[in-house]
C-alpha atoms as a PDB file:
ATOM      1  CA  UNK A   1     -49.865   1.566  44.756  1.00  0.00           C
ATOM      2  CA  UNK A   2     -48.311   4.609  43.141  1.00  0.00           C
ATOM      3  CA  UNK A   3     -49.294   8.115  44.010  1.00  0.00           C
ATOM      4  CA  UNK A   4     -50.288  10.533  41.341  1.00  0.00           C
ATOM      5  CA  UNK A   5     -49.260  14.057  41.514  1.00  0.00           C
ATOM      6  CA  UNK A   6     -50.905  16.877  39.603  1.00  0.00           C
ATOM      7  CA  UNK A   7     -49.364  20.139  39.055  1.00  0.00           C
ATOM      8  CA  UNK A   8     -51.925  22.841  38.091  1.00  0.00           C
ATOM      9  CA  UNK A   9     -50.975  25.400  35.525  1.00  0.00           C
ATOM     10  CA  UNK A  10     -52.799  28.830  35.661  1.00  0.00           C
ATOM     11  CA  UNK A  11     -54.188  29.794  32.341  1.00  0.00           C
ATOM     12  CA  UNK A  12     -52.502  32.745  30.495  1.00  0.00           C
ATOM     13  CA  UNK A  13     -55.346  35.321  30.374  1.00  0.00           C
ATOM     14  CA  UNK A  14     -53.323  37.750  28.291  1.00  0.00           C
ATOM     15  CA  UNK A  15     -52.415  35.399  25.511  1.00  0.00           C
ATOM     16  CA  UNK A  16     -52.345  36.898  22.149  1.00  0.00           C
ATOM     17  CA  UNK A  17     -53.619  34.958  19.170  1.00  0.00           C
ATOM     18  CA  UNK A  18     -51.075  33.992  16.539  1.00  0.00           C
ATOM     19  CA  UNK A  19     -51.606  36.061  13.390  1.00  0.00           C
ATOM     20  CA  UNK A  20     -52.760  33.809  10.513  1.00  0.00           C
ATOM     21  CA  UNK A  21     -51.141  34.070   7.146  1.00  0.00           C
ATOM     22  CA  UNK A  22     -51.982  31.936   4.135  1.00  0.00           C
ATOM     23  CA  UNK A  23     -49.373  29.647   2.602  1.00  0.00           C
ATOM     24  CA  UNK A  24     -49.200  30.056  -1.089  1.00  0.00           C
ATOM     25  CA  UNK A  25     -48.592  26.403  -1.662  1.00  0.00           C
ATOM     26  CA  UNK A  26     -51.929  25.597   0.137  1.00  0.00           C
ATOM     27  CA  UNK A  27     -53.808  28.081  -2.120  1.00  0.00           C
ATOM     28  CA  UNK A  28     -52.007  26.892  -5.182  1.00  0.00           C
ATOM     29  CA  UNK A  29     -52.838  23.244  -4.371  1.00  0.00           C
ATOM     30  CA  UNK A  30     -56.549  24.089  -4.097  1.00  0.00           C
ATOM     31  CA  UNK A  31     -56.423  26.165  -7.273  1.00  0.00           C
ATOM     32  CA  UNK A  32     -54.850  23.133  -9.090  1.00  0.00           C
ATOM     33  CA  UNK A  33     -57.429  20.675  -7.944  1.00  0.00           C
ATOM     34  CA  UNK A  34     -60.197  23.012  -9.219  1.00  0.00           C
ATOM     35  CA  UNK A  35     -58.495  23.523 -12.453  1.00  0.00           C
ATOM     36  CA  UNK A  36     -58.235  19.702 -12.885  1.00  0.00           C
ATOM     37  CA  UNK A  37     -61.989  19.365 -12.183  1.00  0.00           C
ATOM     38  CA  UNK A  38     -62.819  21.931 -14.696  1.00  0.00           C
ATOM     39  CA  UNK A  39     -60.650  20.230 -17.332  1.00  0.00           C
ATOM     40  CA  UNK A  40     -62.227  16.869 -16.611  1.00  0.00           C
ATOM     41  CA  UNK A  41     -65.650  18.419 -17.018  1.00  0.00           C
ATOM     42  CA  UNK A  42     -64.820  20.036 -20.231  1.00  0.00           C
ATOM     43  CA  UNK A  43     -63.255  16.983 -21.900  1.00  0.00           C
ATOM     44  CA  UNK A  44     -65.852  14.416 -21.125  1.00  0.00           C
ATOM     45  CA  UNK A  45     -68.165  15.109 -18.237  1.00  0.00           C
ATOM     46  CA  UNK A  46     -70.055  11.770 -18.364  1.00  0.00           C
ATOM     47  CA  UNK A  47     -66.956   9.546 -18.480  1.00  0.00           C
ATOM     48  CA  UNK A  48     -64.951  11.692 -16.020  1.00  0.00           C
ATOM     49  CA  UNK A  49     -67.774  11.935 -13.515  1.00  0.00           C
ATOM     50  CA  UNK A  50     -66.190   9.448 -10.966  1.00  0.00           C
ATOM     51  CA  UNK A  51     -62.853  11.330 -11.081  1.00  0.00           C
ATOM     52  CA  UNK A  52     -64.505  14.636 -10.570  1.00  0.00           C
ATOM     53  CA  UNK A  53     -66.472  13.281  -7.678  1.00  0.00           C
ATOM     54  CA  UNK A  54     -63.266  11.917  -6.161  1.00  0.00           C
ATOM     55  CA  UNK A  55     -61.354  15.219  -6.354  1.00  0.00           C
ATOM     56  CA  UNK A  56     -64.450  17.020  -5.139  1.00  0.00           C
ATOM     57  CA  UNK A  57     -64.716  14.774  -2.132  1.00  0.00           C
ATOM     58  CA  UNK A  58     -61.055  15.084  -1.406  1.00  0.00           C
ATOM     59  CA  UNK A  59     -61.219  18.984  -1.547  1.00  0.00           C
ATOM     60  CA  UNK A  60     -64.381  19.066   0.657  1.00  0.00           C
ATOM     61  CA  UNK A  61     -63.099  16.716   3.331  1.00  0.00           C
ATOM     62  CA  UNK A  62     -59.519  15.504   3.740  1.00  0.00           C
ATOM     63  CA  UNK A  63     -57.757  18.329   1.939  1.00  0.00           C
ATOM     64  CA  UNK A  64     -59.302  21.102   4.111  1.00  0.00           C
ATOM     65  CA  UNK A  65     -59.125  18.989   7.240  1.00  0.00           C
ATOM     66  CA  UNK A  66     -55.611  17.601   7.113  1.00  0.00           C
ATOM     67  CA  UNK A  67     -53.698  20.221   5.190  1.00  0.00           C
ATOM     68  CA  UNK A  68     -53.511  23.544   7.055  1.00  0.00           C
ATOM     69  CA  UNK A  69     -51.692  26.673   5.867  1.00  0.00           C
ATOM     70  CA  UNK A  70     -50.755  27.315   9.379  1.00  0.00           C
ATOM     71  CA  UNK A  71     -48.436  24.326   9.493  1.00  0.00           C
END
């Protein structure tokens, strides 16, 4: 049977948080999706409702969770 060695690493107590800065591409992407939803709602809100719901769901879930301006 093999032996397992663990090497403990002491935590860095004085670690500084990385400064956050927004990525303009991320902000522009969100703005573009919102403009697309507004356009679809103005043209034909009843017919475009499924498309608006799809974009809205994407913005509320996947876009915000998977795409981060921090890279």
